[in-house]
Each structure stands twice: as structure tokens, then as C-alpha cells.
N, C-alpha and C. Protein backbone atom coordinates (compact mmCIF):
# COMPACT_ATOMS: atom_id res chain seq x y z
N MET A 1 0.84 -1.17 -0.04
CA MET A 1 -0.03 0.00 0.02
C MET A 1 0.89 1.24 -0.03
N PRO A 2 0.66 2.18 -0.89
CA PRO A 2 1.47 3.35 -0.94
C PRO A 2 1.21 4.29 0.25
N MET A 3 2.21 5.07 0.57
CA MET A 3 2.02 6.07 1.66
C MET A 3 0.98 7.10 1.25
N PRO A 4 0.00 7.36 2.15
CA PRO A 4 -1.01 8.38 1.81
C PRO A 4 -0.41 9.77 1.67
N GLU A 5 -1.12 10.65 0.98
CA GLU A 5 -0.72 12.03 0.80
C GLU A 5 -1.66 12.96 1.56
N LEU A 6 -1.14 14.05 2.11
CA LEU A 6 -1.97 15.00 2.81
C LEU A 6 -2.92 15.69 1.80
N PRO A 7 -4.17 15.81 2.20
CA PRO A 7 -5.06 16.62 1.36
C PRO A 7 -4.60 18.05 1.28
N GLU A 8 -4.90 18.73 0.20
CA GLU A 8 -4.45 20.13 -0.02
C GLU A 8 -4.95 21.04 1.08
N LEU A 9 -6.13 20.78 1.63
CA LEU A 9 -6.73 21.69 2.65
C LEU A 9 -6.43 21.28 4.08
N ALA A 10 -5.45 20.35 4.27
CA ALA A 10 -5.09 19.96 5.63
C ALA A 10 -4.21 21.06 6.27
N ARG A 11 -4.50 21.43 7.47
CA ARG A 11 -3.77 22.48 8.19
C ARG A 11 -3.33 21.95 9.58
N VAL A 12 -2.13 22.32 10.00
CA VAL A 12 -1.63 21.94 11.31
C VAL A 12 -2.43 22.69 12.38
N TYR A 13 -2.89 21.92 13.41
CA TYR A 13 -3.53 22.56 14.56
C TYR A 13 -2.82 22.23 15.91
N SER A 14 -1.93 21.27 15.88
CA SER A 14 -1.22 20.87 17.08
C SER A 14 0.03 20.08 16.72
N GLN A 15 0.88 19.94 17.64
CA GLN A 15 2.10 19.09 17.45
C GLN A 15 2.59 18.57 18.76
N THR A 16 3.35 17.48 18.67
CA THR A 16 3.96 16.88 19.84
C THR A 16 5.25 17.64 20.19
N PRO A 17 5.82 17.38 21.33
CA PRO A 17 7.16 17.92 21.59
C PRO A 17 8.14 17.17 20.69
N LEU A 18 9.38 17.63 20.65
CA LEU A 18 10.41 16.91 19.95
C LEU A 18 10.74 15.66 20.74
N PHE A 19 10.61 14.49 20.12
CA PHE A 19 10.89 13.25 20.83
C PHE A 19 12.24 12.72 20.38
N THR A 20 12.90 11.98 21.26
CA THR A 20 14.14 11.24 20.94
C THR A 20 13.92 9.77 21.34
N GLU A 21 14.88 8.97 21.06
CA GLU A 21 14.76 7.55 21.43
C GLU A 21 14.59 7.32 22.91
N THR A 22 14.96 8.28 23.74
CA THR A 22 14.79 8.13 25.21
C THR A 22 13.55 8.81 25.70
N SER A 23 12.94 9.74 24.94
CA SER A 23 11.76 10.42 25.43
C SER A 23 10.43 10.03 24.73
N VAL A 24 10.53 9.14 23.74
CA VAL A 24 9.32 8.77 23.00
C VAL A 24 8.34 8.07 23.93
N PRO A 25 7.05 8.49 23.91
CA PRO A 25 6.05 7.79 24.76
C PRO A 25 5.88 6.34 24.27
N ALA A 26 5.72 5.45 25.20
CA ALA A 26 5.54 4.02 24.90
C ALA A 26 4.31 3.82 23.93
N ALA A 27 3.34 4.63 24.09
CA ALA A 27 2.11 4.49 23.27
C ALA A 27 2.42 4.58 21.74
N LEU A 28 3.48 5.34 21.39
CA LEU A 28 3.80 5.49 19.95
C LEU A 28 4.49 4.23 19.41
N LEU A 29 4.98 3.42 20.32
CA LEU A 29 5.70 2.17 19.92
C LEU A 29 4.74 0.99 19.85
N THR A 30 3.46 1.19 20.17
CA THR A 30 2.46 0.14 20.11
C THR A 30 1.39 0.51 19.14
N ARG A 31 0.62 -0.41 18.74
CA ARG A 31 -0.45 -0.19 17.75
C ARG A 31 -1.44 0.89 18.24
N HIS A 32 -1.58 1.96 17.44
CA HIS A 32 -2.53 3.04 17.79
C HIS A 32 -3.01 3.71 16.50
N ASN A 33 -3.95 4.65 16.63
CA ASN A 33 -4.44 5.37 15.41
C ASN A 33 -4.81 6.75 15.81
N THR A 34 -5.15 7.54 14.79
CA THR A 34 -5.67 8.89 15.02
C THR A 34 -7.20 8.84 14.89
N LYS A 35 -7.80 9.89 15.45
CA LYS A 35 -9.29 9.93 15.35
C LYS A 35 -9.72 10.22 13.94
N ALA A 36 -11.02 10.04 13.67
CA ALA A 36 -11.61 10.39 12.39
C ALA A 36 -11.36 11.85 12.13
N GLY A 37 -10.95 12.18 10.92
CA GLY A 37 -10.72 13.58 10.54
C GLY A 37 -9.38 14.14 10.93
N VAL A 38 -8.54 13.37 11.67
CA VAL A 38 -7.23 13.87 12.11
C VAL A 38 -6.13 13.16 11.27
N TRP A 39 -5.38 14.00 10.62
CA TRP A 39 -4.21 13.51 9.88
C TRP A 39 -2.95 13.72 10.69
N GLY A 40 -1.93 12.96 10.49
CA GLY A 40 -0.65 13.18 11.13
C GLY A 40 0.46 13.33 10.06
N ARG A 41 1.43 14.15 10.43
CA ARG A 41 2.69 14.22 9.63
C ARG A 41 3.86 13.99 10.53
N LEU A 42 4.50 12.90 10.37
CA LEU A 42 5.66 12.47 11.16
C LEU A 42 6.88 13.01 10.52
N ASP A 43 7.57 13.94 11.16
CA ASP A 43 8.79 14.53 10.60
C ASP A 43 10.01 14.09 11.38
N VAL A 44 10.98 13.53 10.72
CA VAL A 44 12.22 13.05 11.32
C VAL A 44 13.29 14.06 11.08
N TYR A 45 13.93 14.52 12.18
CA TYR A 45 14.96 15.57 12.08
C TYR A 45 16.37 15.00 12.16
N ALA A 46 16.56 13.90 12.85
CA ALA A 46 17.87 13.29 12.99
C ALA A 46 17.71 11.79 13.09
N GLY A 47 18.63 11.03 12.56
CA GLY A 47 18.56 9.59 12.63
C GLY A 47 17.51 9.05 11.69
N HIS A 48 16.91 7.96 12.09
CA HIS A 48 15.81 7.36 11.26
C HIS A 48 14.91 6.50 12.22
N LEU A 49 13.75 6.18 11.71
CA LEU A 49 12.82 5.29 12.41
C LEU A 49 12.00 4.55 11.40
N ASP A 50 11.37 3.51 11.82
CA ASP A 50 10.45 2.77 10.95
C ASP A 50 9.01 3.09 11.33
N TYR A 51 8.24 3.46 10.32
CA TYR A 51 6.80 3.75 10.49
C TYR A 51 6.13 2.51 9.94
N VAL A 52 5.39 1.83 10.79
CA VAL A 52 4.75 0.53 10.45
C VAL A 52 3.27 0.77 10.33
N MET A 53 2.70 0.55 9.11
CA MET A 53 1.24 0.62 8.91
C MET A 53 0.75 -0.82 9.22
N ASP A 54 -0.04 -0.89 10.32
CA ASP A 54 -0.55 -2.16 10.80
C ASP A 54 -1.86 -2.56 10.07
N GLU A 55 -1.71 -2.98 8.83
CA GLU A 55 -2.81 -3.39 8.00
C GLU A 55 -2.88 -4.95 8.11
N ASP A 56 -3.76 -5.58 7.26
CA ASP A 56 -3.81 -7.02 7.23
C ASP A 56 -2.43 -7.57 6.99
N VAL A 57 -1.69 -6.93 6.11
CA VAL A 57 -0.27 -7.29 5.88
C VAL A 57 0.51 -6.03 6.30
N PRO A 58 1.16 -6.02 7.43
CA PRO A 58 1.88 -4.84 7.88
C PRO A 58 2.90 -4.35 6.85
N GLU A 59 3.05 -3.03 6.75
CA GLU A 59 3.97 -2.47 5.78
C GLU A 59 4.86 -1.50 6.52
N THR A 60 6.19 -1.64 6.39
CA THR A 60 7.15 -0.82 7.08
C THR A 60 7.81 0.15 6.12
N HIS A 61 7.87 1.42 6.53
CA HIS A 61 8.52 2.48 5.78
C HIS A 61 9.65 3.09 6.64
N ARG A 62 10.88 3.07 6.13
CA ARG A 62 12.00 3.67 6.81
C ARG A 62 11.91 5.20 6.52
N ILE A 63 11.85 6.01 7.63
CA ILE A 63 11.80 7.47 7.48
C ILE A 63 13.14 7.99 8.01
N ASN A 64 13.91 8.59 7.13
CA ASN A 64 15.23 9.15 7.46
C ASN A 64 15.14 10.61 7.82
N ALA A 65 16.21 11.14 8.41
CA ALA A 65 16.30 12.57 8.69
C ALA A 65 16.00 13.37 7.49
N GLY A 66 15.11 14.36 7.65
CA GLY A 66 14.70 15.23 6.52
C GLY A 66 13.47 14.70 5.74
N GLN A 67 13.02 13.53 6.15
CA GLN A 67 11.84 12.97 5.48
C GLN A 67 10.61 12.99 6.39
N SER A 68 9.44 12.78 5.82
CA SER A 68 8.18 12.78 6.56
C SER A 68 7.37 11.56 6.13
N ALA A 69 6.43 11.21 7.02
CA ALA A 69 5.45 10.18 6.69
C ALA A 69 4.09 10.75 6.98
N VAL A 70 3.09 10.43 6.15
CA VAL A 70 1.73 10.95 6.34
C VAL A 70 0.94 9.79 7.01
N ILE A 71 0.22 10.16 8.05
CA ILE A 71 -0.61 9.21 8.79
C ILE A 71 -2.07 9.60 8.50
N ALA A 72 -2.80 8.68 7.85
CA ALA A 72 -4.18 8.95 7.50
C ALA A 72 -5.07 8.72 8.72
N PRO A 73 -6.20 9.39 8.76
CA PRO A 73 -7.15 9.28 9.91
C PRO A 73 -7.55 7.82 10.08
N THR A 74 -7.65 7.43 11.35
CA THR A 74 -8.15 6.12 11.81
C THR A 74 -7.26 4.91 11.35
N ARG A 75 -6.13 5.13 10.74
CA ARG A 75 -5.29 4.05 10.27
C ARG A 75 -4.39 3.56 11.41
N TRP A 76 -4.41 2.28 11.68
CA TRP A 76 -3.59 1.69 12.75
C TRP A 76 -2.10 1.71 12.31
N HIS A 77 -1.25 2.04 13.23
CA HIS A 77 0.21 2.12 12.96
C HIS A 77 1.00 2.11 14.26
N HIS A 78 2.29 1.96 14.14
CA HIS A 78 3.20 2.15 15.29
C HIS A 78 4.58 2.48 14.73
N LEU A 79 5.44 2.88 15.66
CA LEU A 79 6.84 3.30 15.29
C LEU A 79 7.81 2.23 15.89
N GLU A 80 8.90 2.02 15.15
CA GLU A 80 9.98 1.21 15.66
C GLU A 80 11.26 2.04 15.57
N LEU A 81 11.99 2.10 16.67
CA LEU A 81 13.24 2.92 16.71
C LEU A 81 14.44 2.02 16.85
N GLU A 82 15.53 2.46 16.24
CA GLU A 82 16.82 1.78 16.41
C GLU A 82 17.90 2.91 16.51
N GLY A 83 18.33 3.16 17.62
CA GLY A 83 19.41 4.16 17.77
C GLY A 83 18.90 5.58 17.91
N PRO A 84 19.80 6.53 17.92
CA PRO A 84 19.47 7.93 18.09
C PRO A 84 18.52 8.44 17.01
N VAL A 85 17.51 9.21 17.44
CA VAL A 85 16.52 9.74 16.49
C VAL A 85 15.89 10.96 17.18
N GLU A 86 15.50 11.95 16.35
CA GLU A 86 14.71 13.10 16.77
C GLU A 86 13.54 13.25 15.82
N PHE A 87 12.33 13.33 16.35
CA PHE A 87 11.19 13.46 15.52
C PHE A 87 10.02 14.16 16.26
N ARG A 88 9.02 14.57 15.54
CA ARG A 88 7.79 15.03 16.13
C ARG A 88 6.63 14.71 15.19
N VAL A 89 5.43 14.76 15.70
CA VAL A 89 4.24 14.54 14.91
C VAL A 89 3.39 15.84 14.92
N HIS A 90 3.07 16.31 13.72
CA HIS A 90 2.14 17.44 13.54
C HIS A 90 0.74 16.82 13.29
N PHE A 91 -0.26 17.38 13.92
CA PHE A 91 -1.62 16.91 13.70
C PHE A 91 -2.36 17.96 12.84
N LEU A 92 -3.08 17.51 11.84
CA LEU A 92 -3.75 18.36 10.86
C LEU A 92 -5.23 17.95 10.69
N ARG A 93 -6.01 18.93 10.32
CA ARG A 93 -7.38 18.65 9.94
C ARG A 93 -7.74 19.50 8.75
N LEU A 94 -8.77 19.11 8.06
CA LEU A 94 -9.20 19.84 6.85
C LEU A 94 -9.83 21.18 7.23
N THR A 95 -9.55 22.19 6.37
CA THR A 95 -10.14 23.51 6.52
C THR A 95 -10.98 23.78 5.25
N GLU A 96 -11.70 24.85 5.27
CA GLU A 96 -12.48 25.21 4.10
C GLU A 96 -11.78 26.20 3.18
N THR A 97 -10.58 26.59 3.57
CA THR A 97 -9.83 27.55 2.73
C THR A 97 -8.53 26.88 2.21
N SER A 98 -7.93 27.57 1.26
CA SER A 98 -6.69 27.01 0.67
C SER A 98 -5.51 27.89 1.10
N GLU A 99 -5.48 28.37 2.35
CA GLU A 99 -4.35 29.16 2.86
C GLU A 99 -3.12 28.22 2.87
N ALA A 100 -1.97 28.89 2.90
CA ALA A 100 -0.71 28.12 2.95
C ALA A 100 -0.67 27.30 4.22
N LEU A 101 -0.07 26.11 4.10
CA LEU A 101 0.02 25.17 5.27
C LEU A 101 0.81 25.82 6.38
N THR A 102 0.26 25.80 7.55
CA THR A 102 0.91 26.34 8.75
C THR A 102 2.07 25.45 9.09
N ASP A 103 3.24 25.96 9.28
CA ASP A 103 4.42 25.19 9.71
C ASP A 103 4.65 25.49 11.19
N ALA A 104 4.20 24.58 12.00
CA ALA A 104 4.33 24.83 13.45
C ALA A 104 5.59 24.17 14.04
N SER A 105 6.57 23.93 13.23
CA SER A 105 7.76 23.24 13.74
C SER A 105 8.70 24.15 14.47
């Protein structure tokens, strides 16, 4: 399954703190999802991690520093870390306007 793309009208409304391999909440390492209507953008700033889409056949995507992964609403997923990493998740929802995407990083 290909990685989803953010809809054009998705806008950032919240974000997590900057997480590292020592500060990542355990909940992100286990199967979880976002609520209906909530998109996620996982941005990796240093190192790498694996974004696992927990479908009938799990699919793993390696996300390296400078790359992002899009998390579609209600899709089950988890993260796998190996070594030093810095990342955060931005949460987005659809708006009715086509203003430029807010960068809350």
C-alpha cells in the first residue's frame, strides 16, 4: 500500500514535543491510530525510524532525517526505533480555505 498524501486543505492545529529515542512515549511504539478527521505528519529531524502501517499485511517504511510520513485518519500504525533519533508529529485537519500550510515546527 502506498504512503497516503496529505489533502491540499489539511492544516496543522497541534504538534507533539520533539521526541528522541529516550523520550518517546511508549504508546507510539504500540499499535494506535488517530481519530476520524485527524491527519498526522511524522517529521524526522535526525537519525531514522520505521513507520509501520498495521494493516492485514503490515507495511514498514523507513523514514530518514529530513523525510516525513503521512498518517491517515483512523489508520492503525506504530513506530519502531533503532538508535538515536529526533522526531515530532504534527496533527492536521481539513479546513475550508486554501491558505498556505501552517508550519508549526
